[in-house]
Amino acid sequence: MQTVITRVWHGKTPASKADAYMTYLLEVGVKDYKRIPGNLSVQIWRRTEGDRVHFYTVTTWDSFESIRKFAGDEISRPVFLPKDRDYLLEFEPDVMHCETIIP
């Protein structure tokens, strides 16, 4: 059995900006995550709800210390990308961390 830490960030955009934001996340955000030692994986979940599109960036890490290398000492705070203001409708103050048990 293995235990890793899963970090989940949520943001939403107008549907009209969703494709452009997806491209931006892949080109900038995913690269940022993958460059941090201890990052094990990155997934982007996308869900359309009317005229809004929800994005969930779901990353797995080998430890909270590795997350600190990415997010800083306040690991419950999101790390926003430089152009997020061009896309996001709001800025949620926290991310979620969960222990993920891999049997």
PDB file of N, CA and C in Angstrom:
ATOM      1  N   MET A   1       0.842  -1.175   0.000  1.00  0.00           N
ATOM      2  CA  MET A   1       0.000   0.000   0.000  1.00  0.00           C
ATOM      3  C   MET A   1       0.893   1.245   0.000  1.00  0.00           C
ATOM      4  N   GLN A   2       0.486   2.242  -0.762  1.00  0.00           N
ATOM      5  CA  GLN A   2       1.215   3.505  -0.861  1.00  0.00           C
ATOM      6  C   GLN A   2       0.263   4.652  -0.541  1.00  0.00           C
ATOM      7  N   THR A   3       0.759   5.682   0.122  1.00  0.00           N
ATOM      8  CA  THR A   3      -0.029   6.878   0.385  1.00  0.00           C
ATOM      9  C   THR A   3       0.652   8.076  -0.267  1.00  0.00           C
ATOM     10  N   VAL A   4      -0.121   8.832  -1.022  1.00  0.00           N
ATOM     11  CA  VAL A   4       0.355  10.065  -1.634  1.00  0.00           C
ATOM     12  C   VAL A   4      -0.600  11.180  -1.231  1.00  0.00           C
ATOM     13  N   ILE A   5      -0.242  12.405  -1.543  1.00  0.00           N
ATOM     14  CA  ILE A   5      -1.090  13.547  -1.241  1.00  0.00           C
ATOM     15  C   ILE A   5      -1.688  14.060  -2.551  1.00  0.00           C
ATOM     16  N   THR A   6      -3.010  14.204  -2.570  1.00  0.00           N
ATOM     17  CA  THR A   6      -3.698  14.752  -3.731  1.00  0.00           C
ATOM     18  C   THR A   6      -4.108  16.180  -3.401  1.00  0.00           C
ATOM     19  N   ARG A   7      -3.804  17.081  -4.319  1.00  0.00           N
ATOM     20  CA  ARG A   7      -4.127  18.506  -4.176  1.00  0.00           C
ATOM     21  C   ARG A   7      -5.139  18.851  -5.268  1.00  0.00           C
ATOM     22  N   VAL A   8      -6.264  19.455  -4.879  1.00  0.00           N
ATOM     23  CA  VAL A   8      -7.324  19.780  -5.834  1.00  0.00           C
ATOM     24  C   VAL A   8      -7.602  21.276  -5.788  1.00  0.00           C
ATOM     25  N   TRP A   9      -7.444  21.918  -6.930  1.00  0.00           N
ATOM     26  CA  TRP A   9      -7.780  23.328  -7.093  1.00  0.00           C
ATOM     27  C   TRP A   9      -8.992  23.422  -7.991  1.00  0.00           C
ATOM     28  N   HIS A  10      -9.900  24.359  -7.703  1.00  0.00           N
ATOM     29  CA  HIS A  10     -11.097  24.571  -8.520  1.00  0.00           C
ATOM     30  C   HIS A  10     -11.153  26.013  -8.991  1.00  0.00           C
ATOM     31  N   GLY A  11     -11.508  26.183 -10.249  1.00  0.00           N
ATOM     32  CA  GLY A  11     -11.758  27.509 -10.802  1.00  0.00           C
ATOM     33  C   GLY A  11     -12.833  27.394 -11.868  1.00  0.00           C
ATOM     34  N   LYS A  12     -13.470  28.514 -12.185  1.00  0.00           N
ATOM     35  CA  LYS A  12     -14.473  28.474 -13.253  1.00  0.00           C
ATOM     36  C   LYS A  12     -14.341  29.681 -14.156  1.00  0.00           C
ATOM     37  N   THR A  13     -14.676  29.432 -15.409  1.00  0.00           N
ATOM     38  CA  THR A  13     -14.592  30.454 -16.449  1.00  0.00           C
ATOM     39  C   THR A  13     -15.934  30.561 -17.161  1.00  0.00           C
ATOM     40  N   PRO A  14     -16.150  31.662 -17.882  1.00  0.00           N
ATOM     41  CA  PRO A  14     -17.288  31.684 -18.805  1.00  0.00           C
ATOM     42  C   PRO A  14     -17.049  30.612 -19.876  1.00  0.00           C
ATOM     43  N   ALA A  15     -18.104  30.010 -20.353  1.00  0.00           N
ATOM     44  CA  ALA A  15     -17.962  28.978 -21.390  1.00  0.00           C
ATOM     45  C   ALA A  15     -17.230  29.519 -22.616  1.00  0.00           C
ATOM     46  N   SER A  16     -17.418  30.790 -22.908  1.00  0.00           N
ATOM     47  CA  SER A  16     -16.778  31.390 -24.089  1.00  0.00           C
ATOM     48  C   SER A  16     -15.254  31.429 -23.986  1.00  0.00           C
ATOM     49  N   LYS A  17     -14.705  31.328 -22.776  1.00  0.00           N
ATOM     50  CA  LYS A  17     -13.257  31.378 -22.581  1.00  0.00           C
ATOM     51  C   LYS A  17     -12.664  30.013 -22.209  1.00  0.00           C
ATOM     52  N   ALA A  18     -13.498  28.997 -22.129  1.00  0.00           N
ATOM     53  CA  ALA A  18     -13.050  27.706 -21.608  1.00  0.00           C
ATOM     54  C   ALA A  18     -11.968  27.050 -22.464  1.00  0.00           C
ATOM     55  N   ASP A  19     -12.123  27.052 -23.760  1.00  0.00           N
ATOM     56  CA  ASP A  19     -11.116  26.402 -24.613  1.00  0.00           C
ATOM     57  C   ASP A  19      -9.769  27.121 -24.520  1.00  0.00           C
ATOM     58  N   ALA A  20      -9.805  28.449 -24.516  1.00  0.00           N
ATOM     59  CA  ALA A  20      -8.563  29.210 -24.403  1.00  0.00           C
ATOM     60  C   ALA A  20      -7.914  28.967 -23.044  1.00  0.00           C
ATOM     61  N   TYR A  21      -8.718  28.870 -21.997  1.00  0.00           N
ATOM     62  CA  TYR A  21      -8.148  28.622 -20.678  1.00  0.00           C
ATOM     63  C   TYR A  21      -7.560  27.217 -20.597  1.00  0.00           C
ATOM     64  N   MET A  22      -8.221  26.261 -21.202  1.00  0.00           N
ATOM     65  CA  MET A  22      -7.688  24.896 -21.217  1.00  0.00           C
ATOM     66  C   MET A  22      -6.311  24.877 -21.876  1.00  0.00           C
ATOM     67  N   THR A  23      -6.180  25.546 -22.992  1.00  0.00           N
ATOM     68  CA  THR A  23      -4.893  25.631 -23.682  1.00  0.00           C
ATOM     69  C   THR A  23      -3.848  26.286 -22.791  1.00  0.00           C
ATOM     70  N   TYR A  24      -4.228  27.362 -22.133  1.00  0.00           N
ATOM     71  CA  TYR A  24      -3.318  28.065 -21.234  1.00  0.00           C
ATOM     72  C   TYR A  24      -2.891  27.163 -20.074  1.00  0.00           C
ATOM     73  N   LEU A  25      -3.838  26.463 -19.464  1.00  0.00           N
ATOM     74  CA  LEU A  25      -3.498  25.544 -18.373  1.00  0.00           C
ATOM     75  C   LEU A  25      -2.488  24.492 -18.823  1.00  0.00           C
ATOM     76  N   LEU A  26      -2.697  23.942 -19.989  1.00  0.00           N
ATOM     77  CA  LEU A  26      -1.795  22.908 -20.484  1.00  0.00           C
ATOM     78  C   LEU A  26      -0.410  23.465 -20.788  1.00  0.00           C
ATOM     79  N   GLU A  27      -0.362  24.645 -21.400  1.00  0.00           N
ATOM     80  CA  GLU A  27       0.925  25.212 -21.809  1.00  0.00           C
ATOM     81  C   GLU A  27       1.717  25.810 -20.648  1.00  0.00           C
ATOM     82  N   VAL A  28       1.045  26.361 -19.652  1.00  0.00           N
ATOM     83  CA  VAL A  28       1.735  27.062 -18.567  1.00  0.00           C
ATOM     84  C   VAL A  28       1.598  26.306 -17.244  1.00  0.00           C
ATOM     85  N   GLY A  29       0.381  26.053 -16.816  1.00  0.00           N
ATOM     86  CA  GLY A  29       0.146  25.449 -15.510  1.00  0.00           C
ATOM     87  C   GLY A  29       0.710  24.057 -15.357  1.00  0.00           C
ATOM     88  N   VAL A  30       0.432  23.204 -16.308  1.00  0.00           N
ATOM     89  CA  VAL A  30       0.917  21.821 -16.221  1.00  0.00           C
ATOM     90  C   VAL A  30       2.444  21.792 -16.218  1.00  0.00           C
ATOM     91  N   LYS A  31       3.063  22.625 -17.022  1.00  0.00           N
ATOM     92  CA  LYS A  31       4.531  22.696 -17.032  1.00  0.00           C
ATOM     93  C   LYS A  31       5.070  23.086 -15.663  1.00  0.00           C
ATOM     94  N   ASP A  32       4.406  24.050 -15.003  1.00  0.00           N
ATOM     95  CA  ASP A  32       4.833  24.468 -13.662  1.00  0.00           C
ATOM     96  C   ASP A  32       4.771  23.304 -12.681  1.00  0.00           C
ATOM     97  N   TYR A  33       3.680  22.578 -12.695  1.00  0.00           N
ATOM     98  CA  TYR A  33       3.537  21.442 -11.786  1.00  0.00           C
ATOM     99  C   TYR A  33       4.607  20.382 -12.047  1.00  0.00           C
ATOM    100  N   LYS A  34       4.790  20.030 -13.288  1.00  0.00           N
ATOM    101  CA  LYS A  34       5.689  18.925 -13.623  1.00  0.00           C
ATOM    102  C   LYS A  34       7.157  19.224 -13.330  1.00  0.00           C
ATOM    103  N   ARG A  35       7.509  20.482 -13.213  1.00  0.00           N
ATOM    104  CA  ARG A  35       8.911  20.816 -12.955  1.00  0.00           C
ATOM    105  C   ARG A  35       9.288  20.697 -11.480  1.00  0.00           C
ATOM    106  N   ILE A  36       8.323  20.537 -10.596  1.00  0.00           N
ATOM    107  CA  ILE A  36       8.595  20.472  -9.163  1.00  0.00           C
ATOM    108  C   ILE A  36       8.923  19.037  -8.758  1.00  0.00           C
ATOM    109  N   PRO A  37      10.095  18.804  -8.188  1.00  0.00           N
ATOM    110  CA  PRO A  37      10.414  17.456  -7.707  1.00  0.00           C
ATOM    111  C   PRO A  37       9.371  17.010  -6.678  1.00  0.00           C
ATOM    112  N   GLY A  38       8.930  15.789  -6.807  1.00  0.00           N
ATOM    113  CA  GLY A  38       7.915  15.257  -5.901  1.00  0.00           C
ATOM    114  C   GLY A  38       6.525  15.262  -6.484  1.00  0.00           C
ATOM    115  N   ASN A  39       6.317  15.981  -7.606  1.00  0.00           N
ATOM    116  CA  ASN A  39       5.022  15.920  -8.280  1.00  0.00           C
ATOM    117  C   ASN A  39       4.949  14.597  -9.025  1.00  0.00           C
ATOM    118  N   LEU A  40       3.899  13.844  -8.763  1.00  0.00           N
ATOM    119  CA  LEU A  40       3.755  12.522  -9.366  1.00  0.00           C
ATOM    120  C   LEU A  40       2.842  12.514 -10.583  1.00  0.00           C
ATOM    121  N   SER A  41       1.844  13.411 -10.596  1.00  0.00           N
ATOM    122  CA  SER A  41       0.936  13.456 -11.744  1.00  0.00           C
ATOM    123  C   SER A  41       0.123  14.739 -11.740  1.00  0.00           C
ATOM    124  N   VAL A  42      -0.414  15.055 -12.908  1.00  0.00           N
ATOM    125  CA  VAL A  42      -1.291  16.214 -13.084  1.00  0.00           C
ATOM    126  C   VAL A  42      -2.459  15.776 -13.956  1.00  0.00           C
ATOM    127  N   GLN A  43      -3.668  16.107 -13.518  1.00  0.00           N
ATOM    128  CA  GLN A  43      -4.867  15.897 -14.325  1.00  0.00           C
ATOM    129  C   GLN A  43      -5.669  17.186 -14.316  1.00  0.00           C
ATOM    130  N   ILE A  44      -6.319  17.478 -15.430  1.00  0.00           N
ATOM    131  CA  ILE A  44      -7.252  18.592 -15.500  1.00  0.00           C
ATOM    132  C   ILE A  44      -8.629  17.983 -15.720  1.00  0.00           C
ATOM    133  N   TRP A  45      -9.527  18.249 -14.796  1.00  0.00           N
ATOM    134  CA  TRP A  45     -10.917  17.835 -14.951  1.00  0.00           C
ATOM    135  C   TRP A  45     -11.696  19.050 -15.405  1.00  0.00           C
ATOM    136  N   ARG A  46     -12.598  18.842 -16.358  1.00  0.00           N
ATOM    137  CA  ARG A  46     -13.382  19.941 -16.927  1.00  0.00           C
ATOM    138  C   ARG A  46     -14.854  19.537 -16.948  1.00  0.00           C
ATOM    139  N   ARG A  47     -15.723  20.437 -16.449  1.00  0.00           N
ATOM    140  CA  ARG A  47     -17.157  20.143 -16.410  1.00  0.00           C
ATOM    141  C   ARG A  47     -17.928  21.393 -16.804  1.00  0.00           C
ATOM    142  N   THR A  48     -18.789  21.269 -17.819  1.00  0.00           N
ATOM    143  CA  THR A  48     -19.606  22.387 -18.271  1.00  0.00           C
ATOM    144  C   THR A  48     -20.931  22.374 -17.520  1.00  0.00           C
ATOM    145  N   GLU A  49     -21.298  23.551 -17.044  1.00  0.00           N
ATOM    146  CA  GLU A  49     -22.551  23.725 -16.316  1.00  0.00           C
ATOM    147  C   GLU A  49     -23.197  25.007 -16.828  1.00  0.00           C
ATOM    148  N   GLY A  50     -24.073  24.860 -17.820  1.00  0.00           N
ATOM    149  CA  GLY A  50     -24.692  26.040 -18.422  1.00  0.00           C
ATOM    150  C   GLY A  50     -23.663  26.892 -19.124  1.00  0.00           C
ATOM    151  N   ASP A  51     -23.605  28.177 -18.752  1.00  0.00           N
ATOM    152  CA  ASP A  51     -22.670  29.088 -19.402  1.00  0.00           C
ATOM    153  C   ASP A  51     -21.354  29.224 -18.635  1.00  0.00           C
ATOM    154  N   ARG A  52     -21.109  28.306 -17.721  1.00  0.00           N
ATOM    155  CA  ARG A  52     -19.882  28.275 -16.929  1.00  0.00           C
ATOM    156  C   ARG A  52     -19.177  26.942 -17.130  1.00  0.00           C
ATOM    157  N   VAL A  53     -17.858  26.982 -17.070  1.00  0.00           N
ATOM    158  CA  VAL A  53     -17.081  25.746 -17.146  1.00  0.00           C
ATOM    159  C   VAL A  53     -16.189  25.685 -15.914  1.00  0.00           C
ATOM    160  N   HIS A  54     -16.281  24.562 -15.208  1.00  0.00           N
ATOM    161  CA  HIS A  54     -15.488  24.328 -14.007  1.00  0.00           C
ATOM    162  C   HIS A  54     -14.224  23.572 -14.389  1.00  0.00           C
ATOM    163  N   PHE A  55     -13.122  24.014 -13.827  1.00  0.00           N
ATOM    164  CA  PHE A  55     -11.844  23.333 -14.007  1.00  0.00           C
ATOM    165  C   PHE A  55     -11.348  22.885 -12.640  1.00  0.00           C
ATOM    166  N   TYR A  56     -10.892  21.654 -12.593  1.00  0.00           N
ATOM    167  CA  TYR A  56     -10.278  21.105 -11.393  1.00  0.00           C
ATOM    168  C   TYR A  56      -8.875  20.648 -11.783  1.00  0.00           C
ATOM    169  N   THR A  57      -7.883  21.250 -11.171  1.00  0.00           N
ATOM    170  CA  THR A  57      -6.518  20.781 -11.376  1.00  0.00           C
ATOM    171  C   THR A  57      -6.215  19.829 -10.228  1.00  0.00           C
ATOM    172  N   VAL A  58      -5.991  18.576 -10.570  1.00  0.00           N
ATOM    173  CA  VAL A  58      -5.809  17.515  -9.581  1.00  0.00           C
ATOM    174  C   VAL A  58      -4.383  16.997  -9.728  1.00  0.00           C
ATOM    175  N   THR A  59      -3.590  17.229  -8.700  1.00  0.00           N
ATOM    176  CA  THR A  59      -2.193  16.800  -8.735  1.00  0.00           C
ATOM    177  C   THR A  59      -1.923  15.844  -7.588  1.00  0.00           C
ATOM    178  N   THR A  60      -0.990  14.944  -7.808  1.00  0.00           N
ATOM    179  CA  THR A  60      -0.560  14.063  -6.725  1.00  0.00           C
ATOM    180  C   THR A  60       0.914  14.320  -6.449  1.00  0.00           C
ATOM    181  N   TRP A  61       1.248  14.184  -5.147  1.00  0.00           N
ATOM    182  CA  TRP A  61       2.573  14.530  -4.657  1.00  0.00           C
ATOM    183  C   TRP A  61       3.067  13.451  -3.722  1.00  0.00           C
ATOM    184  N   ASP A  62       4.367  13.345  -3.617  1.00  0.00           N
ATOM    185  CA  ASP A  62       4.940  12.340  -2.722  1.00  0.00           C
ATOM    186  C   ASP A  62       4.919  12.770  -1.259  1.00  0.00           C
ATOM    187  N   SER A  63       4.757  14.093  -0.998  1.00  0.00           N
ATOM    188  CA  SER A  63       4.758  14.570   0.396  1.00  0.00           C
ATOM    189  C   SER A  63       4.251  16.009   0.451  1.00  0.00           C
ATOM    190  N   PHE A  64       3.900  16.440   1.660  1.00  0.00           N
ATOM    191  CA  PHE A  64       3.537  17.840   1.852  1.00  0.00           C
ATOM    192  C   PHE A  64       4.751  18.744   1.632  1.00  0.00           C
ATOM    193  N   GLU A  65       5.921  18.261   1.933  1.00  0.00           N
ATOM    194  CA  GLU A  65       7.140  19.054   1.706  1.00  0.00           C
ATOM    195  C   GLU A  65       7.303  19.376   0.214  1.00  0.00           C
ATOM    196  N   SER A  66       7.005  18.438  -0.642  1.00  0.00           N
ATOM    197  CA  SER A  66       7.079  18.701  -2.089  1.00  0.00           C
ATOM    198  C   SER A  66       6.049  19.744  -2.504  1.00  0.00           C
ATOM    199  N   ILE A  67       4.873  19.687  -1.902  1.00  0.00           N
ATOM    200  CA  ILE A  67       3.845  20.695  -2.204  1.00  0.00           C
ATOM    201  C   ILE A  67       4.348  22.072  -1.782  1.00  0.00           C
ATOM    202  N   ARG A  68       5.036  22.165  -0.656  1.00  0.00           N
ATOM    203  CA  ARG A  68       5.587  23.450  -0.198  1.00  0.00           C
ATOM    204  C   ARG A  68       6.566  24.034  -1.220  1.00  0.00           C
ATOM    205  N   LYS A  69       7.292  23.184  -1.904  1.00  0.00           N
ATOM    206  CA  LYS A  69       8.226  23.666  -2.927  1.00  0.00           C
ATOM    207  C   LYS A  69       7.476  24.353  -4.066  1.00  0.00           C
ATOM    208  N   PHE A  70       6.248  23.928  -4.294  1.00  0.00           N
ATOM    209  CA  PHE A  70       5.415  24.518  -5.337  1.00  0.00           C
ATOM    210  C   PHE A  70       4.601  25.704  -4.808  1.00  0.00           C
ATOM    211  N   ALA A  71       3.946  25.508  -3.663  1.00  0.00           N
ATOM    212  CA  ALA A  71       2.952  26.468  -3.180  1.00  0.00           C
ATOM    213  C   ALA A  71       3.454  27.421  -2.104  1.00  0.00           C
ATOM    214  N   GLY A  72       4.598  27.137  -1.511  1.00  0.00           N
ATOM    215  CA  GLY A  72       5.064  27.945  -0.399  1.00  0.00           C
ATOM    216  C   GLY A  72       4.559  27.390   0.923  1.00  0.00           C
ATOM    217  N   ASP A  73       4.847  28.095   2.014  1.00  0.00           N
ATOM    218  CA  ASP A  73       4.515  27.598   3.342  1.00  0.00           C
ATOM    219  C   ASP A  73       3.018  27.469   3.595  1.00  0.00           C
ATOM    220  N   GLU A  74       2.216  28.322   2.993  1.00  0.00           N
ATOM    221  CA  GLU A  74       0.758  28.244   3.163  1.00  0.00           C
ATOM    222  C   GLU A  74       0.183  27.361   2.063  1.00  0.00           C
ATOM    223  N   ILE A  75       0.339  26.053   2.234  1.00  0.00           N
ATOM    224  CA  ILE A  75      -0.011  25.128   1.153  1.00  0.00           C
ATOM    225  C   ILE A  75      -1.505  25.064   0.867  1.00  0.00           C
ATOM    226  N   SER A  76      -2.336  25.567   1.771  1.00  0.00           N
ATOM    227  CA  SER A  76      -3.780  25.547   1.508  1.00  0.00           C
ATOM    228  C   SER A  76      -4.203  26.678   0.572  1.00  0.00           C
ATOM    229  N   ARG A  77      -3.301  27.577   0.266  1.00  0.00           N
ATOM    230  CA  ARG A  77      -3.602  28.678  -0.646  1.00  0.00           C
ATOM    231  C   ARG A  77      -3.315  28.256  -2.086  1.00  0.00           C
ATOM    232  N   PRO A  78      -4.168  28.673  -3.009  1.00  0.00           N
ATOM    233  CA  PRO A  78      -3.912  28.346  -4.413  1.00  0.00           C
ATOM    234  C   PRO A  78      -2.717  29.115  -4.969  1.00  0.00           C
ATOM    235  N   VAL A  79      -2.147  28.561  -6.014  1.00  0.00           N
ATOM    236  CA  VAL A  79      -1.096  29.231  -6.769  1.00  0.00           C
ATOM    237  C   VAL A  79      -1.737  29.639  -8.092  1.00  0.00           C
ATOM    238  N   PHE A  80      -1.904  30.931  -8.274  1.00  0.00           N
ATOM    239  CA  PHE A  80      -2.549  31.404  -9.501  1.00  0.00           C
ATOM    240  C   PHE A  80      -1.504  31.672 -10.577  1.00  0.00           C
ATOM    241  N   LEU A  81      -1.923  31.447 -11.804  1.00  0.00           N
ATOM    242  CA  LEU A  81      -1.070  31.687 -12.959  1.00  0.00           C
ATOM    243  C   LEU A  81      -1.156  33.155 -13.367  1.00  0.00           C
ATOM    244  N   PRO A  82      -0.138  33.673 -14.047  1.00  0.00           N
ATOM    245  CA  PRO A  82      -0.108  35.103 -14.383  1.00  0.00           C
ATOM    246  C   PRO A  82      -1.339  35.616 -15.134  1.00  0.00           C
ATOM    247  N   LYS A  83      -1.925  34.814 -16.016  1.00  0.00           N
ATOM    248  CA  LYS A  83      -3.063  35.291 -16.811  1.00  0.00           C
ATOM    249  C   LYS A  83      -4.411  34.783 -16.300  1.00  0.00           C
ATOM    250  N   ASP A  84      -4.455  34.208 -15.105  1.00  0.00           N
ATOM    251  CA  ASP A  84      -5.729  33.721 -14.570  1.00  0.00           C
ATOM    252  C   ASP A  84      -6.789  34.821 -14.505  1.00  0.00           C
ATOM    253  N   ARG A  85      -6.380  36.057 -14.264  1.00  0.00           N
ATOM    254  CA  ARG A  85      -7.351  37.171 -14.193  1.00  0.00           C
ATOM    255  C   ARG A  85      -8.085  37.367 -15.518  1.00  0.00           C
ATOM    256  N   ASP A  86      -7.478  36.954 -16.610  1.00  0.00           N
ATOM    257  CA  ASP A  86      -8.117  37.083 -17.919  1.00  0.00           C
ATOM    258  C   ASP A  86      -9.226  36.053 -18.129  1.00  0.00           C
ATOM    259  N   TYR A  87      -9.248  35.011 -17.313  1.00  0.00           N
ATOM    260  CA  TYR A  87     -10.160  33.899 -17.539  1.00  0.00           C
ATOM    261  C   TYR A  87     -11.123  33.604 -16.387  1.00  0.00           C
ATOM    262  N   LEU A  88     -10.634  33.631 -15.169  1.00  0.00           N
ATOM    263  CA  LEU A  88     -11.421  33.138 -14.037  1.00  0.00           C
ATOM    264  C   LEU A  88     -12.497  34.135 -13.599  1.00  0.00           C
ATOM    265  N   LEU A  89     -13.629  33.582 -13.164  1.00  0.00           N
ATOM    266  CA  LEU A  89     -14.727  34.408 -12.682  1.00  0.00           C
ATOM    267  C   LEU A  89     -14.548  34.827 -11.229  1.00  0.00           C
ATOM    268  N   GLU A  90     -13.831  34.027 -10.469  1.00  0.00           N
ATOM    269  CA  GLU A  90     -13.568  34.340  -9.064  1.00  0.00           C
ATOM    270  C   GLU A  90     -12.294  33.626  -8.644  1.00  0.00           C
ATOM    271  N   PHE A  91     -11.796  33.994  -7.490  1.00  0.00           N
ATOM    272  CA  PHE A  91     -10.550  33.411  -6.982  1.00  0.00           C
ATOM    273  C   PHE A  91     -10.830  32.770  -5.629  1.00  0.00           C
ATOM    274  N   GLU A  92     -11.020  31.475  -5.655  1.00  0.00           N
ATOM    275  CA  GLU A  92     -11.300  30.759  -4.415  1.00  0.00           C
ATOM    276  C   GLU A  92     -10.062  30.822  -3.512  1.00  0.00           C
ATOM    277  N   PRO A  93     -10.276  30.960  -2.199  1.00  0.00           N
ATOM    278  CA  PRO A  93      -9.147  31.190  -1.298  1.00  0.00           C
ATOM    279  C   PRO A  93      -8.357  29.945  -0.901  1.00  0.00           C
ATOM    280  N   ASP A  94      -8.905  28.768  -1.131  1.00  0.00           N
ATOM    281  CA  ASP A  94      -8.251  27.550  -0.649  1.00  0.00           C
ATOM    282  C   ASP A  94      -8.288  26.431  -1.683  1.00  0.00           C
ATOM    283  N   VAL A  95      -7.341  25.523  -1.529  1.00  0.00           N
ATOM    284  CA  VAL A  95      -7.350  24.266  -2.267  1.00  0.00           C
ATOM    285  C   VAL A  95      -7.626  23.148  -1.267  1.00  0.00           C
ATOM    286  N   MET A  96      -7.900  21.957  -1.766  1.00  0.00           N
ATOM    287  CA  MET A  96      -8.151  20.811  -0.906  1.00  0.00           C
ATOM    288  C   MET A  96      -6.986  19.833  -1.016  1.00  0.00           C
ATOM    289  N   HIS A  97      -6.574  19.294   0.124  1.00  0.00           N
ATOM    290  CA  HIS A  97      -5.569  18.236   0.160  1.00  0.00           C
ATOM    291  C   HIS A  97      -6.194  16.984   0.775  1.00  0.00           C
ATOM    292  N   CYS A  98      -5.899  15.842   0.195  1.00  0.00           N
ATOM    293  CA  CYS A  98      -6.394  14.567   0.707  1.00  0.00           C
ATOM    294  C   CYS A  98      -5.275  13.551   0.647  1.00  0.00           C
ATOM    295  N   GLU A  99      -5.239  12.679   1.641  1.00  0.00           N
ATOM    296  CA  GLU A  99      -4.365  11.521   1.530  1.00  0.00           C
ATOM    297  C   GLU A  99      -5.028  10.562   0.558  1.00  0.00           C
ATOM    298  N   THR A 100      -4.270  10.070  -0.377  1.00  0.00           N
ATOM    299  CA  THR A 100      -4.772   9.120  -1.349  1.00  0.00           C
ATOM    300  C   THR A 100      -4.073   7.798  -1.097  1.00  0.00           C
ATOM    301  N   ILE A 101      -4.868   6.796  -0.810  1.00  0.00           N
ATOM    302  CA  ILE A 101      -4.324   5.469  -0.514  1.00  0.00           C
ATOM    303  C   ILE A 101      -4.381   4.637  -1.783  1.00  0.00           C
ATOM    304  N   ILE A 102      -3.230   4.140  -2.191  1.00  0.00           N
ATOM    305  CA  ILE A 102      -3.149   3.303  -3.384  1.00  0.00           C
ATOM    306  C   ILE A 102      -2.913   1.873  -2.898  1.00  0.00           C
ATOM    307  N   PRO A 103      -3.927   1.035  -2.985  1.00  0.00           N
ATOM    308  CA  PRO A 103      -3.790  -0.338  -2.468  1.00  0.00           C
ATOM    309  C   PRO A 103      -2.823  -1.188  -3.284  1.00  0.00           C
TER     310      PRO A 103
END
